[in-house]
Amino acid sequence: VSSPGRQTLPVNRQISTFSVSLLSRSDEQVPMVERLYILMFAVALAMMLWMVYAGWLRYRMSRLVDASLPEALQQLVQPGRPAILYFTTDSCVQCRLQQAPALERLAADTGISVHRVDAVTQSDLTAFYGVMTVPTTVVLDPQRRPKAINYGLTPLQKLHEQVIGQQA
């Protein structure tokens, strides 16, 4: 309903005119500030989750160091020398083509014994070390305690550093 002598605009035009008149320069900047706050919150949340995950890994490693060894590990690895447990499966292509050659070269360079563990058939060791993916390598010290667990493909250089750190 319009009063006589007053010009009316279509409803769409009235809303857009009203919206434009309400916007000011400071209102346009508010969404950018909100986006910055959201980004900072997301980064802080990601950092907090990473710290929780890293703490969980340290806690798990400390529990593994103190745990009694499974029977399968006592038979597989002789005490007195560092060793590497190499968790794999028959169907793991990445294991055969990338991780196995790196481990063979490491064994040739350092003389460390590498023990292949089938993650499917030796489920007791798989559960003990929390293996969720293959390849996984576990670096053991001379007392057969884990010093490093590498989930996924691990480069030769990193394995070499972990083993040399054991022997030094």
N, C-alpha and C. Protein backbone atom coordinates (compact mmCIF):
# COMPACT_ATOMS: atom_id res chain seq x y z
N VAL A 1 0.86 -1.17 0.00
CA VAL A 1 0.00 0.00 0.00
C VAL A 1 0.90 1.22 0.00
N SER A 2 0.63 2.12 -0.93
CA SER A 2 1.45 3.33 -1.02
C SER A 2 0.56 4.54 -0.81
N SER A 3 1.16 5.56 -0.28
CA SER A 3 0.41 6.80 -0.07
C SER A 3 0.42 7.60 -1.36
N PRO A 4 -0.62 8.45 -1.57
CA PRO A 4 -0.66 9.24 -2.80
C PRO A 4 0.52 10.21 -2.85
N GLY A 5 1.09 10.31 -4.00
CA GLY A 5 2.20 11.22 -4.21
C GLY A 5 3.55 10.62 -3.86
N ARG A 6 3.59 9.42 -3.32
CA ARG A 6 4.86 8.78 -2.97
C ARG A 6 5.18 7.72 -4.01
N GLN A 7 6.38 7.80 -4.50
CA GLN A 7 6.78 6.84 -5.53
C GLN A 7 7.24 5.56 -4.84
N THR A 8 6.80 4.41 -5.32
CA THR A 8 7.20 3.14 -4.74
C THR A 8 8.08 2.40 -5.72
N LEU A 9 9.03 1.72 -5.18
CA LEU A 9 9.93 0.90 -6.00
C LEU A 9 9.50 -0.54 -5.86
N PRO A 10 9.84 -1.35 -6.80
CA PRO A 10 9.54 -2.77 -6.63
C PRO A 10 10.23 -3.28 -5.37
N VAL A 11 9.71 -4.37 -4.80
CA VAL A 11 10.23 -4.91 -3.54
C VAL A 11 11.71 -5.24 -3.67
N ASN A 12 12.12 -5.87 -4.74
CA ASN A 12 13.53 -6.23 -4.93
C ASN A 12 14.40 -4.98 -4.89
N ARG A 13 13.96 -3.95 -5.54
CA ARG A 13 14.73 -2.71 -5.62
C ARG A 13 14.81 -2.05 -4.24
N GLN A 14 13.71 -2.12 -3.48
CA GLN A 14 13.68 -1.52 -2.15
C GLN A 14 14.68 -2.22 -1.24
N ILE A 15 14.74 -3.56 -1.28
CA ILE A 15 15.64 -4.33 -0.42
C ILE A 15 17.09 -4.03 -0.78
N SER A 16 17.41 -4.03 -2.07
CA SER A 16 18.80 -3.79 -2.45
C SER A 16 19.21 -2.36 -2.11
N THR A 17 18.31 -1.40 -2.26
CA THR A 17 18.62 -0.02 -1.91
C THR A 17 18.85 0.08 -0.40
N PHE A 18 18.03 -0.60 0.37
CA PHE A 18 18.17 -0.60 1.82
C PHE A 18 19.49 -1.24 2.23
N SER A 19 19.85 -2.38 1.58
CA SER A 19 21.09 -3.07 1.90
C SER A 19 22.30 -2.20 1.59
N VAL A 20 22.28 -1.54 0.47
CA VAL A 20 23.40 -0.70 0.09
C VAL A 20 23.52 0.47 1.04
N SER A 21 22.40 1.02 1.47
CA SER A 21 22.47 2.17 2.37
C SER A 21 22.98 1.77 3.75
N LEU A 22 22.77 0.52 4.15
CA LEU A 22 23.24 0.08 5.46
C LEU A 22 24.74 -0.23 5.47
N LEU A 23 25.26 -0.60 4.32
CA LEU A 23 26.68 -0.94 4.27
C LEU A 23 27.52 0.32 4.37
N SER A 24 28.49 0.25 5.20
CA SER A 24 29.46 1.34 5.27
C SER A 24 30.84 0.72 5.14
N ARG A 25 31.84 1.52 5.09
CA ARG A 25 33.20 1.03 4.91
C ARG A 25 33.59 0.09 6.04
N SER A 26 33.26 0.40 7.27
CA SER A 26 33.64 -0.46 8.39
C SER A 26 32.90 -1.80 8.34
N ASP A 27 31.66 -1.81 7.84
CA ASP A 27 30.93 -3.07 7.72
C ASP A 27 31.58 -3.99 6.69
N GLU A 28 32.18 -3.43 5.67
CA GLU A 28 32.85 -4.25 4.67
C GLU A 28 34.11 -4.87 5.23
N GLN A 29 34.74 -4.24 6.18
CA GLN A 29 35.98 -4.75 6.76
C GLN A 29 35.71 -5.83 7.80
N VAL A 30 34.57 -5.83 8.39
CA VAL A 30 34.25 -6.81 9.43
C VAL A 30 34.37 -8.24 8.92
N PRO A 31 33.83 -8.58 7.75
CA PRO A 31 33.99 -9.97 7.29
C PRO A 31 35.46 -10.38 7.12
N MET A 32 36.33 -9.46 6.73
CA MET A 32 37.75 -9.79 6.60
C MET A 32 38.36 -10.10 7.96
N VAL A 33 37.99 -9.33 8.97
CA VAL A 33 38.49 -9.56 10.32
C VAL A 33 37.96 -10.89 10.82
N GLU A 34 36.69 -11.17 10.56
CA GLU A 34 36.12 -12.45 10.97
C GLU A 34 36.83 -13.61 10.29
N ARG A 35 37.15 -13.46 9.03
CA ARG A 35 37.89 -14.51 8.31
C ARG A 35 39.27 -14.72 8.92
N LEU A 36 39.91 -13.64 9.31
CA LEU A 36 41.22 -13.73 9.94
C LEU A 36 41.11 -14.48 11.27
N TYR A 37 40.08 -14.16 12.06
CA TYR A 37 39.87 -14.87 13.32
C TYR A 37 39.60 -16.36 13.09
N ILE A 38 38.81 -16.66 12.09
CA ILE A 38 38.52 -18.06 11.78
C ILE A 38 39.80 -18.78 11.36
N LEU A 39 40.62 -18.13 10.54
CA LEU A 39 41.88 -18.73 10.12
C LEU A 39 42.82 -18.95 11.31
N MET A 40 42.91 -17.95 12.19
CA MET A 40 43.77 -18.10 13.36
C MET A 40 43.26 -19.22 14.27
N PHE A 41 41.95 -19.34 14.41
CA PHE A 41 41.38 -20.41 15.22
C PHE A 41 41.69 -21.77 14.60
N ALA A 42 41.56 -21.88 13.28
CA ALA A 42 41.84 -23.15 12.60
C ALA A 42 43.30 -23.54 12.75
N VAL A 43 44.20 -22.58 12.62
CA VAL A 43 45.63 -22.87 12.78
C VAL A 43 45.94 -23.28 14.21
N ALA A 44 45.36 -22.57 15.18
CA ALA A 44 45.58 -22.92 16.60
C ALA A 44 45.03 -24.31 16.90
N LEU A 45 43.86 -24.63 16.36
CA LEU A 45 43.28 -25.96 16.56
C LEU A 45 44.15 -27.05 15.93
N ALA A 46 44.65 -26.80 14.73
CA ALA A 46 45.53 -27.77 14.08
C ALA A 46 46.81 -27.98 14.89
N MET A 47 47.38 -26.91 15.40
CA MET A 47 48.60 -27.03 16.21
C MET A 47 48.31 -27.80 17.49
N MET A 48 47.17 -27.53 18.11
CA MET A 48 46.81 -28.23 19.33
C MET A 48 46.60 -29.72 19.06
N LEU A 49 45.93 -30.06 17.97
CA LEU A 49 45.73 -31.46 17.63
C LEU A 49 47.06 -32.15 17.34
N TRP A 50 47.97 -31.45 16.66
CA TRP A 50 49.29 -32.02 16.38
C TRP A 50 50.05 -32.28 17.67
N MET A 51 49.96 -31.36 18.63
CA MET A 51 50.64 -31.53 19.91
C MET A 51 50.05 -32.71 20.69
N VAL A 52 48.74 -32.87 20.64
CA VAL A 52 48.10 -34.00 21.31
C VAL A 52 48.56 -35.30 20.66
N TYR A 53 48.60 -35.33 19.32
CA TYR A 53 49.04 -36.53 18.61
C TYR A 53 50.50 -36.86 18.93
N ALA A 54 51.36 -35.85 18.94
CA ALA A 54 52.78 -36.08 19.26
C ALA A 54 52.93 -36.56 20.69
N GLY A 55 52.16 -36.00 21.61
CA GLY A 55 52.19 -36.47 22.99
C GLY A 55 51.72 -37.91 23.12
N TRP A 56 50.68 -38.25 22.37
CA TRP A 56 50.19 -39.63 22.38
C TRP A 56 51.26 -40.58 21.86
N LEU A 57 51.96 -40.19 20.80
CA LEU A 57 53.03 -41.04 20.26
C LEU A 57 54.15 -41.22 21.28
N ARG A 58 54.54 -40.15 21.98
CA ARG A 58 55.57 -40.27 23.02
C ARG A 58 55.10 -41.18 24.15
N TYR A 59 53.86 -41.03 24.56
CA TYR A 59 53.30 -41.88 25.61
C TYR A 59 53.29 -43.34 25.16
N ARG A 60 52.87 -43.58 23.93
CA ARG A 60 52.83 -44.96 23.41
C ARG A 60 54.24 -45.55 23.36
N MET A 61 55.21 -44.76 22.93
CA MET A 61 56.59 -45.24 22.84
C MET A 61 57.12 -45.57 24.24
N SER A 62 56.81 -44.74 25.22
CA SER A 62 57.29 -45.02 26.58
C SER A 62 56.65 -46.29 27.13
N ARG A 63 55.40 -46.53 26.79
CA ARG A 63 54.74 -47.77 27.22
C ARG A 63 55.36 -48.99 26.53
N LEU A 64 55.74 -48.84 25.26
CA LEU A 64 56.36 -49.95 24.54
C LEU A 64 57.73 -50.28 25.12
N VAL A 65 58.47 -49.26 25.53
CA VAL A 65 59.80 -49.48 26.10
C VAL A 65 59.70 -50.29 27.39
N ASP A 66 58.67 -50.01 28.18
CA ASP A 66 58.51 -50.68 29.47
C ASP A 66 57.76 -52.01 29.39
N ALA A 67 57.11 -52.29 28.27
CA ALA A 67 56.29 -53.49 28.15
C ALA A 67 57.16 -54.74 28.00
N SER A 68 56.61 -55.87 28.43
CA SER A 68 57.32 -57.13 28.22
C SER A 68 57.16 -57.53 26.75
N LEU A 69 58.22 -58.13 26.21
CA LEU A 69 58.24 -58.45 24.79
C LEU A 69 57.33 -59.63 24.47
N PRO A 70 56.65 -59.57 23.35
CA PRO A 70 55.87 -60.72 22.91
C PRO A 70 56.80 -61.89 22.58
N GLU A 71 56.28 -63.08 22.71
CA GLU A 71 57.05 -64.29 22.45
C GLU A 71 57.60 -64.31 21.02
N ALA A 72 56.80 -63.88 20.07
CA ALA A 72 57.24 -63.87 18.67
C ALA A 72 58.47 -62.99 18.48
N LEU A 73 58.53 -61.88 19.18
CA LEU A 73 59.67 -60.97 19.06
C LEU A 73 60.90 -61.57 19.73
N GLN A 74 60.73 -62.23 20.84
CA GLN A 74 61.86 -62.85 21.52
C GLN A 74 62.51 -63.92 20.64
N GLN A 75 61.71 -64.62 19.86
CA GLN A 75 62.25 -65.65 18.97
C GLN A 75 62.85 -65.04 17.71
N LEU A 76 62.30 -63.92 17.27
CA LEU A 76 62.71 -63.33 15.99
C LEU A 76 64.02 -62.54 16.10
N VAL A 77 64.17 -61.74 17.13
CA VAL A 77 65.31 -60.82 17.25
C VAL A 77 66.17 -61.24 18.43
N GLN A 78 67.47 -61.40 18.17
CA GLN A 78 68.42 -61.75 19.22
C GLN A 78 68.86 -60.49 19.95
N PRO A 79 68.98 -60.54 21.27
CA PRO A 79 69.42 -59.35 22.02
C PRO A 79 70.91 -59.09 21.80
N GLY A 80 71.32 -57.86 22.06
CA GLY A 80 72.73 -57.51 21.97
C GLY A 80 73.10 -56.73 20.73
N ARG A 81 72.23 -56.70 19.73
CA ARG A 81 72.49 -55.94 18.51
C ARG A 81 71.24 -55.17 18.12
N PRO A 82 71.40 -53.96 17.61
CA PRO A 82 70.20 -53.27 17.12
C PRO A 82 69.62 -54.01 15.92
N ALA A 83 68.34 -53.81 15.69
CA ALA A 83 67.67 -54.48 14.58
C ALA A 83 66.53 -53.60 14.09
N ILE A 84 66.01 -53.97 12.93
CA ILE A 84 64.85 -53.28 12.37
C ILE A 84 63.78 -54.32 12.08
N LEU A 85 62.56 -54.03 12.54
CA LEU A 85 61.40 -54.83 12.16
C LEU A 85 60.74 -54.12 11.00
N TYR A 86 60.49 -54.87 9.94
CA TYR A 86 59.94 -54.31 8.72
C TYR A 86 58.57 -54.95 8.50
N PHE A 87 57.50 -54.22 8.84
CA PHE A 87 56.14 -54.72 8.68
C PHE A 87 55.68 -54.49 7.26
N THR A 88 55.20 -55.55 6.62
CA THR A 88 54.78 -55.49 5.24
C THR A 88 53.68 -56.52 5.01
N THR A 89 53.16 -56.56 3.81
CA THR A 89 52.22 -57.60 3.38
C THR A 89 52.62 -58.06 1.99
N ASP A 90 52.08 -59.18 1.57
CA ASP A 90 52.39 -59.68 0.23
C ASP A 90 51.86 -58.76 -0.87
N SER A 91 50.77 -58.05 -0.59
CA SER A 91 50.15 -57.22 -1.61
C SER A 91 50.67 -55.78 -1.64
N CYS A 92 51.61 -55.43 -0.78
CA CYS A 92 52.11 -54.06 -0.70
C CYS A 92 53.16 -53.80 -1.80
N VAL A 93 52.76 -53.07 -2.82
CA VAL A 93 53.66 -52.77 -3.93
C VAL A 93 54.72 -51.76 -3.49
N GLN A 94 54.31 -50.76 -2.75
CA GLN A 94 55.25 -49.73 -2.28
C GLN A 94 56.34 -50.37 -1.40
N CYS A 95 55.96 -51.38 -0.65
CA CYS A 95 56.93 -52.08 0.20
C CYS A 95 58.02 -52.76 -0.65
N ARG A 96 57.58 -53.47 -1.66
CA ARG A 96 58.53 -54.22 -2.51
C ARG A 96 59.39 -53.30 -3.36
N LEU A 97 58.78 -52.25 -3.92
CA LEU A 97 59.51 -51.43 -4.88
C LEU A 97 60.33 -50.30 -4.26
N GLN A 98 59.94 -49.83 -3.06
CA GLN A 98 60.65 -48.70 -2.49
C GLN A 98 61.28 -49.00 -1.13
N GLN A 99 60.49 -49.55 -0.21
CA GLN A 99 61.01 -49.73 1.15
C GLN A 99 62.01 -50.88 1.23
N ALA A 100 61.73 -52.01 0.60
CA ALA A 100 62.63 -53.16 0.68
C ALA A 100 64.02 -52.85 0.13
N PRO A 101 64.15 -52.20 -1.04
CA PRO A 101 65.50 -51.86 -1.52
C PRO A 101 66.25 -50.92 -0.57
N ALA A 102 65.53 -49.97 0.05
CA ALA A 102 66.18 -49.06 1.00
C ALA A 102 66.69 -49.83 2.21
N LEU A 103 65.90 -50.78 2.69
CA LEU A 103 66.31 -51.57 3.85
C LEU A 103 67.47 -52.51 3.50
N GLU A 104 67.48 -53.07 2.29
CA GLU A 104 68.60 -53.92 1.87
C GLU A 104 69.89 -53.12 1.82
N ARG A 105 69.80 -51.91 1.29
CA ARG A 105 70.99 -51.06 1.22
C ARG A 105 71.46 -50.67 2.62
N LEU A 106 70.52 -50.37 3.51
CA LEU A 106 70.85 -50.02 4.88
C LEU A 106 71.56 -51.19 5.58
N ALA A 107 71.03 -52.38 5.38
CA ALA A 107 71.65 -53.56 5.98
C ALA A 107 73.06 -53.77 5.44
N ALA A 108 73.25 -53.54 4.14
CA ALA A 108 74.58 -53.69 3.54
C ALA A 108 75.55 -52.63 4.06
N ASP A 109 75.06 -51.40 4.25
CA ASP A 109 75.92 -50.30 4.70
C ASP A 109 76.28 -50.39 6.19
N THR A 110 75.32 -50.81 7.02
CA THR A 110 75.53 -50.75 8.47
C THR A 110 75.68 -52.11 9.14
N GLY A 111 75.29 -53.17 8.46
CA GLY A 111 75.35 -54.50 9.04
C GLY A 111 74.20 -54.80 10.01
N ILE A 112 73.21 -53.93 10.07
CA ILE A 112 72.07 -54.15 10.96
C ILE A 112 71.17 -55.24 10.38
N SER A 113 70.60 -56.04 11.26
CA SER A 113 69.70 -57.09 10.78
C SER A 113 68.30 -56.52 10.61
N VAL A 114 67.70 -56.84 9.47
CA VAL A 114 66.35 -56.41 9.14
C VAL A 114 65.46 -57.64 9.12
N HIS A 115 64.40 -57.62 9.92
CA HIS A 115 63.50 -58.76 10.03
C HIS A 115 62.17 -58.39 9.39
N ARG A 116 61.80 -59.16 8.37
CA ARG A 116 60.53 -58.93 7.68
C ARG A 116 59.41 -59.56 8.50
N VAL A 117 58.39 -58.77 8.79
CA VAL A 117 57.24 -59.24 9.56
C VAL A 117 56.00 -59.07 8.71
N ASP A 118 55.29 -60.17 8.46
CA ASP A 118 54.04 -60.08 7.72
C ASP A 118 52.98 -59.53 8.66
N ALA A 119 52.46 -58.37 8.34
CA ALA A 119 51.52 -57.68 9.22
C ALA A 119 50.20 -58.42 9.37
N VAL A 120 49.88 -59.29 8.44
CA VAL A 120 48.62 -60.03 8.51
C VAL A 120 48.78 -61.30 9.33
N THR A 121 49.81 -62.08 9.05
CA THR A 121 49.94 -63.36 9.74
C THR A 121 50.51 -63.23 11.15
N GLN A 122 51.30 -62.20 11.41
CA GLN A 122 51.87 -62.00 12.75
C GLN A 122 51.14 -60.84 13.43
N SER A 123 49.86 -61.04 13.62
CA SER A 123 49.01 -59.96 14.15
C SER A 123 49.35 -59.60 15.60
N ASP A 124 49.98 -60.50 16.34
CA ASP A 124 50.36 -60.15 17.71
C ASP A 124 51.41 -59.04 17.71
N LEU A 125 52.40 -59.14 16.84
CA LEU A 125 53.41 -58.06 16.74
C LEU A 125 52.81 -56.79 16.13
N THR A 126 51.92 -56.97 15.17
CA THR A 126 51.27 -55.83 14.55
C THR A 126 50.48 -55.04 15.59
N ALA A 127 49.74 -55.74 16.44
CA ALA A 127 48.97 -55.06 17.49
C ALA A 127 49.89 -54.47 18.55
N PHE A 128 50.96 -55.18 18.91
CA PHE A 128 51.87 -54.70 19.94
C PHE A 128 52.48 -53.36 19.57
N TYR A 129 52.88 -53.20 18.30
CA TYR A 129 53.51 -51.95 17.85
C TYR A 129 52.51 -50.96 17.26
N GLY A 130 51.23 -51.31 17.24
CA GLY A 130 50.21 -50.38 16.74
C GLY A 130 50.33 -50.10 15.26
N VAL A 131 50.71 -51.10 14.49
CA VAL A 131 50.88 -50.92 13.05
C VAL A 131 49.51 -50.83 12.39
N MET A 132 49.27 -49.71 11.72
CA MET A 132 48.00 -49.50 11.03
C MET A 132 48.20 -49.40 9.52
N THR A 133 49.44 -49.26 9.08
CA THR A 133 49.73 -49.11 7.67
C THR A 133 51.03 -49.82 7.35
N VAL A 134 51.17 -50.24 6.12
CA VAL A 134 52.43 -50.82 5.67
C VAL A 134 52.94 -49.97 4.52
N PRO A 135 54.22 -49.81 4.41
CA PRO A 135 55.28 -50.34 5.26
C PRO A 135 55.39 -49.56 6.57
N THR A 136 55.76 -50.26 7.61
CA THR A 136 56.10 -49.66 8.90
C THR A 136 57.42 -50.26 9.33
N THR A 137 58.33 -49.42 9.79
CA THR A 137 59.62 -49.92 10.29
C THR A 137 59.76 -49.54 11.75
N VAL A 138 60.28 -50.47 12.53
CA VAL A 138 60.53 -50.25 13.95
C VAL A 138 62.01 -50.46 14.18
N VAL A 139 62.69 -49.43 14.66
CA VAL A 139 64.12 -49.51 14.96
C VAL A 139 64.25 -49.93 16.42
N LEU A 140 64.92 -51.05 16.65
CA LEU A 140 65.10 -51.60 18.00
C LEU A 140 66.53 -51.38 18.47
N ASP A 141 66.69 -51.08 19.76
CA ASP A 141 68.02 -50.96 20.33
C ASP A 141 68.55 -52.36 20.69
N PRO A 142 69.77 -52.46 21.17
CA PRO A 142 70.33 -53.80 21.49
C PRO A 142 69.53 -54.58 22.54
N GLN A 143 68.74 -53.88 23.36
CA GLN A 143 67.91 -54.58 24.35
C GLN A 143 66.52 -54.88 23.79
N ARG A 144 66.33 -54.71 22.49
CA ARG A 144 65.10 -54.98 21.77
C ARG A 144 63.97 -54.02 22.15
N ARG A 145 64.31 -52.84 22.63
CA ARG A 145 63.31 -51.81 22.91
C ARG A 145 63.19 -50.90 21.70
N PRO A 146 62.00 -50.45 21.38
CA PRO A 146 61.84 -49.58 20.20
C PRO A 146 62.42 -48.19 20.47
N LYS A 147 63.18 -47.70 19.53
CA LYS A 147 63.73 -46.35 19.60
C LYS A 147 63.07 -45.43 18.58
N ALA A 148 62.49 -45.99 17.54
CA ALA A 148 61.78 -45.20 16.53
C ALA A 148 60.79 -46.10 15.82
N ILE A 149 59.61 -45.56 15.57
CA ILE A 149 58.61 -46.26 14.77
C ILE A 149 58.26 -45.33 13.62
N ASN A 150 58.41 -45.84 12.40
CA ASN A 150 58.14 -45.05 11.20
C ASN A 150 56.94 -45.65 10.48
N TYR A 151 55.84 -44.92 10.49
CA TYR A 151 54.63 -45.38 9.81
C TYR A 151 54.67 -44.87 8.38
N GLY A 152 54.52 -45.77 7.42
CA GLY A 152 54.59 -45.40 6.01
C GLY A 152 56.01 -45.52 5.49
N LEU A 153 56.17 -45.15 4.24
CA LEU A 153 57.47 -45.22 3.57
C LEU A 153 58.48 -44.31 4.28
N THR A 154 59.64 -44.87 4.61
CA THR A 154 60.68 -44.11 5.30
C THR A 154 61.92 -44.05 4.42
N PRO A 155 62.43 -42.86 4.15
CA PRO A 155 63.61 -42.73 3.30
C PRO A 155 64.84 -43.36 3.94
N LEU A 156 65.76 -43.80 3.11
CA LEU A 156 66.99 -44.42 3.55
C LEU A 156 67.77 -43.51 4.49
N GLN A 157 67.83 -42.23 4.19
CA GLN A 157 68.58 -41.28 5.02
C GLN A 157 68.05 -41.24 6.45
N LYS A 158 66.74 -41.20 6.59
CA LYS A 158 66.15 -41.17 7.94
C LYS A 158 66.43 -42.46 8.69
N LEU A 159 66.29 -43.60 8.02
CA LEU A 159 66.60 -44.88 8.66
C LEU A 159 68.07 -44.94 9.07
N HIS A 160 68.92 -44.46 8.20
CA HIS A 160 70.36 -44.46 8.48
C HIS A 160 70.67 -43.62 9.73
N GLU A 161 70.05 -42.44 9.83
CA GLU A 161 70.25 -41.59 11.00
C GLU A 161 69.75 -42.26 12.27
N GLN A 162 68.63 -42.96 12.19
CA GLN A 162 68.09 -43.64 13.37
C GLN A 162 68.99 -44.80 13.80
N VAL A 163 69.53 -45.52 12.83
CA VAL A 163 70.40 -46.65 13.16
C VAL A 163 71.74 -46.18 13.68
N ILE A 164 72.33 -45.18 13.04
CA ILE A 164 73.61 -44.64 13.49
C ILE A 164 73.47 -44.09 14.90
N GLY A 165 72.35 -43.46 15.19
CA GLY A 165 72.09 -42.96 16.54
C GLY A 165 72.07 -44.10 17.56
N GLN A 166 71.66 -45.28 17.15
CA GLN A 166 71.65 -46.45 18.03
C GLN A 166 73.06 -46.96 18.30
N GLN A 167 73.90 -46.93 17.28
CA GLN A 167 75.22 -47.51 17.40
C GLN A 167 76.23 -46.56 18.03
N ALA A 168 75.91 -45.26 18.06
CA ALA A 168 76.86 -44.27 18.61
C ALA A 168 76.89 -44.30 20.11
